[in-house]
Amino acid sequence: MKYPKLLRRWEASQYLQELHGLRCAPASLAKKACLGIGPKICFVNGIPFYRPSELDVWAKALISKPTPHARKDAYHRNRSASRQARQARQQQARTEQEFAAT
C-alpha cells in the first residue's frame, strides 16, 4: 500500500503494523505524544500528523538487534519461585504453631 507524506494517527497505527509489525493503537500514539516518548509529530491546523520517515526511525529504535540469548524478564508470569517461598513460609508458620501448642 502506498502511503501519503503525512499520516493521521489511525493511519500511522496501520503503517507501523503493516511495515514493522508493531501494534500500537492510535490512542497509544496520542499518549506517547503527550509524554514525549513517541514518534515525532507535526501539526497542521492543530491536527497531529506523522511522517512515515519519523515512524520508521522510532520503530527501528524500539526493535532490538537479533540475539541468541533470551532476555530475563523482571516479572515472571508463572511466579513459581514466589509461590514456593510463600508455601515454605506457611509451612514454617504451621510448624511453629504446632510446636507452641505442645
N, C-alpha and C. Protein backbone atom coordinates (compact mmCIF):
# COMPACT_ATOMS: atom_id res chain seq x y z
N MET A 1 0.84 -1.19 0.00
CA MET A 1 0.00 0.00 0.00
C MET A 1 0.88 1.24 0.00
N LYS A 2 0.54 2.22 -0.81
CA LYS A 2 1.30 3.46 -0.87
C LYS A 2 0.73 4.42 0.17
N TYR A 3 1.64 5.03 0.93
CA TYR A 3 1.24 5.93 1.99
C TYR A 3 1.54 7.38 1.60
N PRO A 4 0.67 8.29 2.02
CA PRO A 4 0.92 9.71 1.74
C PRO A 4 2.08 10.23 2.60
N LYS A 5 2.48 11.47 2.36
CA LYS A 5 3.62 12.04 3.08
C LYS A 5 3.31 12.33 4.54
N LEU A 6 2.07 12.62 4.85
CA LEU A 6 1.65 12.86 6.23
C LEU A 6 0.52 11.89 6.59
N LEU A 7 0.64 11.29 7.76
CA LEU A 7 -0.35 10.29 8.19
C LEU A 7 -1.06 10.75 9.46
N ARG A 8 -2.37 10.52 9.50
CA ARG A 8 -3.12 10.74 10.74
C ARG A 8 -2.77 9.61 11.71
N ARG A 9 -3.23 9.73 12.96
CA ARG A 9 -2.86 8.71 13.96
C ARG A 9 -3.33 7.32 13.57
N TRP A 10 -4.54 7.20 13.10
CA TRP A 10 -5.05 5.87 12.76
C TRP A 10 -4.27 5.30 11.57
N GLU A 11 -3.84 6.16 10.63
CA GLU A 11 -3.03 5.70 9.51
C GLU A 11 -1.63 5.32 9.98
N ALA A 12 -1.09 6.10 10.92
CA ALA A 12 0.23 5.80 11.47
C ALA A 12 0.21 4.45 12.19
N SER A 13 -0.88 4.17 12.88
CA SER A 13 -1.03 2.88 13.56
C SER A 13 -1.01 1.73 12.55
N GLN A 14 -1.74 1.88 11.48
CA GLN A 14 -1.76 0.86 10.43
C GLN A 14 -0.38 0.71 9.78
N TYR A 15 0.28 1.83 9.55
CA TYR A 15 1.60 1.85 8.94
C TYR A 15 2.60 1.06 9.79
N LEU A 16 2.59 1.32 11.09
CA LEU A 16 3.51 0.61 11.99
C LEU A 16 3.21 -0.89 12.02
N GLN A 17 1.93 -1.24 11.96
CA GLN A 17 1.55 -2.65 11.96
C GLN A 17 1.98 -3.33 10.67
N GLU A 18 1.70 -2.72 9.53
CA GLU A 18 1.97 -3.37 8.24
C GLU A 18 3.45 -3.42 7.89
N LEU A 19 4.19 -2.35 8.16
CA LEU A 19 5.58 -2.31 7.75
C LEU A 19 6.56 -2.84 8.80
N HIS A 20 6.25 -2.66 10.07
CA HIS A 20 7.20 -3.04 11.11
C HIS A 20 6.68 -4.13 12.04
N GLY A 21 5.40 -4.47 11.94
CA GLY A 21 4.82 -5.49 12.80
C GLY A 21 4.59 -5.02 14.22
N LEU A 22 4.58 -3.71 14.44
CA LEU A 22 4.34 -3.14 15.78
C LEU A 22 2.87 -2.79 15.92
N ARG A 23 2.24 -3.34 16.94
CA ARG A 23 0.85 -3.00 17.20
C ARG A 23 0.82 -1.84 18.18
N CYS A 24 0.38 -0.71 17.71
CA CYS A 24 0.30 0.49 18.54
C CYS A 24 -0.99 1.21 18.16
N ALA A 25 -1.94 1.22 19.08
CA ALA A 25 -3.24 1.83 18.82
C ALA A 25 -3.10 3.34 18.68
N PRO A 26 -4.02 3.97 17.96
CA PRO A 26 -3.98 5.43 17.84
C PRO A 26 -4.00 6.13 19.19
N ALA A 27 -4.75 5.59 20.14
CA ALA A 27 -4.78 6.18 21.48
C ALA A 27 -3.42 6.07 22.17
N SER A 28 -2.71 4.98 21.91
CA SER A 28 -1.37 4.83 22.48
C SER A 28 -0.40 5.83 21.86
N LEU A 29 -0.54 6.06 20.57
CA LEU A 29 0.30 7.08 19.92
C LEU A 29 0.02 8.46 20.52
N ALA A 30 -1.26 8.74 20.81
CA ALA A 30 -1.62 10.02 21.41
C ALA A 30 -1.00 10.16 22.80
N LYS A 31 -1.07 9.10 23.59
CA LYS A 31 -0.49 9.16 24.93
C LYS A 31 1.02 9.32 24.87
N LYS A 32 1.66 8.58 23.96
CA LYS A 32 3.11 8.69 23.82
C LYS A 32 3.50 10.09 23.35
N ALA A 33 2.65 10.72 22.55
CA ALA A 33 2.93 12.10 22.12
C ALA A 33 2.86 13.05 23.31
N CYS A 34 1.88 12.84 24.18
CA CYS A 34 1.76 13.69 25.38
C CYS A 34 2.94 13.51 26.32
N LEU A 35 3.44 12.29 26.43
CA LEU A 35 4.56 12.01 27.31
C LEU A 35 5.91 12.34 26.67
N GLY A 36 5.90 12.57 25.36
CA GLY A 36 7.14 12.89 24.65
C GLY A 36 8.02 11.69 24.37
N ILE A 37 7.43 10.49 24.34
CA ILE A 37 8.21 9.28 24.10
C ILE A 37 7.84 8.60 22.78
N GLY A 38 6.96 9.20 22.01
CA GLY A 38 6.52 8.60 20.76
C GLY A 38 7.29 9.16 19.58
N PRO A 39 6.85 8.82 18.38
CA PRO A 39 7.49 9.37 17.19
C PRO A 39 7.22 10.87 17.07
N LYS A 40 8.09 11.54 16.34
CA LYS A 40 7.93 12.99 16.15
C LYS A 40 6.66 13.28 15.37
N ILE A 41 6.00 14.37 15.74
CA ILE A 41 4.73 14.75 15.11
C ILE A 41 4.88 16.14 14.52
N CYS A 42 4.09 16.42 13.51
CA CYS A 42 3.94 17.80 13.04
C CYS A 42 2.45 18.11 13.05
N PHE A 43 2.11 19.36 13.26
CA PHE A 43 0.72 19.76 13.37
C PHE A 43 0.33 20.63 12.17
N VAL A 44 -0.83 20.36 11.63
CA VAL A 44 -1.40 21.17 10.56
C VAL A 44 -2.77 21.63 11.06
N ASN A 45 -2.91 22.92 11.30
CA ASN A 45 -4.14 23.48 11.88
C ASN A 45 -4.54 22.78 13.17
N GLY A 46 -3.54 22.45 13.98
CA GLY A 46 -3.79 21.81 15.27
C GLY A 46 -4.04 20.31 15.20
N ILE A 47 -4.00 19.74 14.02
CA ILE A 47 -4.24 18.31 13.85
C ILE A 47 -2.89 17.61 13.77
N PRO A 48 -2.66 16.58 14.59
CA PRO A 48 -1.36 15.89 14.56
C PRO A 48 -1.22 14.98 13.34
N PHE A 49 -0.06 15.07 12.73
CA PHE A 49 0.29 14.21 11.60
C PHE A 49 1.65 13.60 11.85
N TYR A 50 1.87 12.42 11.29
CA TYR A 50 3.14 11.72 11.42
C TYR A 50 3.75 11.54 10.04
N ARG A 51 5.06 11.74 9.95
CA ARG A 51 5.78 11.46 8.70
C ARG A 51 6.21 10.00 8.74
N PRO A 52 6.05 9.28 7.64
CA PRO A 52 6.48 7.88 7.62
C PRO A 52 7.96 7.71 7.97
N SER A 53 8.81 8.64 7.55
CA SER A 53 10.23 8.52 7.87
C SER A 53 10.47 8.59 9.38
N GLU A 54 9.71 9.44 10.08
CA GLU A 54 9.84 9.55 11.53
C GLU A 54 9.30 8.29 12.22
N LEU A 55 8.25 7.72 11.67
CA LEU A 55 7.71 6.47 12.22
C LEU A 55 8.73 5.35 12.06
N ASP A 56 9.43 5.32 10.90
CA ASP A 56 10.46 4.30 10.67
C ASP A 56 11.59 4.43 11.68
N VAL A 57 12.05 5.65 11.91
CA VAL A 57 13.13 5.89 12.87
C VAL A 57 12.71 5.43 14.26
N TRP A 58 11.51 5.78 14.68
CA TRP A 58 11.01 5.42 16.00
C TRP A 58 10.87 3.91 16.14
N ALA A 59 10.32 3.27 15.10
CA ALA A 59 10.11 1.81 15.14
C ALA A 59 11.46 1.08 15.21
N LYS A 60 12.43 1.54 14.45
CA LYS A 60 13.74 0.88 14.46
C LYS A 60 14.43 1.04 15.81
N ALA A 61 14.17 2.15 16.50
CA ALA A 61 14.75 2.35 17.83
C ALA A 61 14.11 1.39 18.84
N LEU A 62 12.86 1.00 18.63
CA LEU A 62 12.18 0.08 19.55
C LEU A 62 12.60 -1.37 19.36
N ILE A 63 12.90 -1.73 18.14
CA ILE A 63 13.19 -3.12 17.81
C ILE A 63 14.67 -3.39 18.08
N SER A 64 14.95 -4.41 18.88
CA SER A 64 16.34 -4.74 19.22
C SER A 64 17.00 -5.53 18.09
N LYS A 65 18.31 -5.65 18.20
CA LYS A 65 19.05 -6.47 17.24
C LYS A 65 18.79 -7.94 17.56
N PRO A 66 18.89 -8.81 16.56
CA PRO A 66 18.69 -10.24 16.82
C PRO A 66 19.75 -10.76 17.80
N THR A 67 19.34 -11.62 18.70
CA THR A 67 20.26 -12.19 19.69
C THR A 67 19.89 -13.64 19.96
N PRO A 68 20.88 -14.48 20.21
CA PRO A 68 20.57 -15.88 20.53
C PRO A 68 20.17 -16.07 21.99
N HIS A 69 20.32 -15.03 22.81
CA HIS A 69 20.05 -15.14 24.24
C HIS A 69 18.67 -14.59 24.57
N ALA A 70 18.00 -15.27 25.46
CA ALA A 70 16.70 -14.78 25.93
C ALA A 70 16.93 -13.66 26.92
N ARG A 71 16.04 -12.71 26.93
CA ARG A 71 16.13 -11.60 27.87
C ARG A 71 15.43 -12.01 29.16
N LYS A 72 16.09 -11.79 30.27
CA LYS A 72 15.49 -12.15 31.55
C LYS A 72 14.43 -11.13 31.89
N ASP A 73 13.24 -11.61 32.11
CA ASP A 73 12.10 -10.76 32.41
C ASP A 73 12.03 -10.51 33.91
N ALA A 74 11.89 -9.25 34.31
CA ALA A 74 11.81 -8.92 35.73
C ALA A 74 10.51 -9.43 36.34
N TYR A 75 9.47 -9.55 35.55
CA TYR A 75 8.18 -10.03 36.03
C TYR A 75 7.98 -11.44 35.50
N HIS A 76 8.07 -12.42 36.38
CA HIS A 76 7.89 -13.81 35.97
C HIS A 76 6.41 -14.14 35.97
N ARG A 77 5.91 -14.54 34.84
CA ARG A 77 4.47 -14.78 34.70
C ARG A 77 3.98 -15.97 35.52
N ASN A 78 4.83 -16.98 35.65
CA ASN A 78 4.36 -18.16 36.38
C ASN A 78 4.51 -18.00 37.89
N ARG A 79 5.36 -17.10 38.32
CA ARG A 79 5.55 -16.79 39.73
C ARG A 79 5.81 -18.02 40.58
N SER A 80 6.40 -19.05 40.01
CA SER A 80 6.59 -20.30 40.76
C SER A 80 7.55 -20.08 41.93
N ALA A 81 8.56 -19.25 41.75
CA ALA A 81 9.52 -19.02 42.84
C ALA A 81 8.84 -18.34 44.02
N SER A 82 8.02 -17.34 43.76
CA SER A 82 7.34 -16.65 44.86
C SER A 82 6.30 -17.57 45.50
N ARG A 83 5.66 -18.41 44.71
CA ARG A 83 4.68 -19.34 45.25
C ARG A 83 5.36 -20.35 46.17
N GLN A 84 6.53 -20.85 45.77
CA GLN A 84 7.26 -21.79 46.59
C GLN A 84 7.72 -21.13 47.90
N ALA A 85 8.15 -19.88 47.82
CA ALA A 85 8.58 -19.16 49.02
C ALA A 85 7.39 -18.95 49.97
N ARG A 86 6.23 -18.62 49.42
CA ARG A 86 5.03 -18.42 50.24
C ARG A 86 4.62 -19.73 50.91
N GLN A 87 4.67 -20.83 50.16
CA GLN A 87 4.31 -22.12 50.74
C GLN A 87 5.28 -22.52 51.85
N ALA A 88 6.56 -22.20 51.67
CA ALA A 88 7.55 -22.51 52.70
C ALA A 88 7.29 -21.69 53.97
N ARG A 89 6.94 -20.42 53.81
CA ARG A 89 6.62 -19.58 54.96
C ARG A 89 5.39 -20.09 55.69
N GLN A 90 4.37 -20.51 54.93
CA GLN A 90 3.15 -21.03 55.54
C GLN A 90 3.44 -22.33 56.30
N GLN A 91 4.26 -23.18 55.71
CA GLN A 91 4.63 -24.44 56.38
C GLN A 91 5.40 -24.16 57.65
N GLN A 92 6.32 -23.18 57.61
CA GLN A 92 7.08 -22.83 58.79
C GLN A 92 6.17 -22.28 59.89
N ALA A 93 5.20 -21.45 59.50
CA ALA A 93 4.25 -20.88 60.48
C ALA A 93 3.43 -21.99 61.12
N ARG A 94 2.99 -22.99 60.34
CA ARG A 94 2.22 -24.11 60.89
C ARG A 94 3.07 -24.92 61.87
N THR A 95 4.33 -25.13 61.50
CA THR A 95 5.23 -25.89 62.36
C THR A 95 5.44 -25.16 63.69
N GLU A 96 5.62 -23.84 63.63
CA GLU A 96 5.80 -23.05 64.84
C GLU A 96 4.54 -23.08 65.71
N GLN A 97 3.38 -23.04 65.09
CA GLN A 97 2.12 -23.10 65.85
C GLN A 97 1.97 -24.46 66.53
N GLU A 98 2.31 -25.53 65.83
CA GLU A 98 2.21 -26.86 66.40
C GLU A 98 3.19 -27.01 67.56
N PHE A 99 4.38 -26.45 67.40
CA PHE A 99 5.40 -26.53 68.45
C PHE A 99 4.96 -25.75 69.69
N ALA A 100 4.34 -24.57 69.44
CA ALA A 100 3.89 -23.74 70.57
C ALA A 100 2.70 -24.40 71.30
N ALA A 101 1.90 -25.19 70.61
CA ALA A 101 0.73 -25.82 71.19
C ALA A 101 1.13 -26.99 72.09
N THR A 102 2.28 -27.58 71.85
CA THR A 102 2.67 -28.75 72.64
C THR A 102 3.44 -28.39 73.88
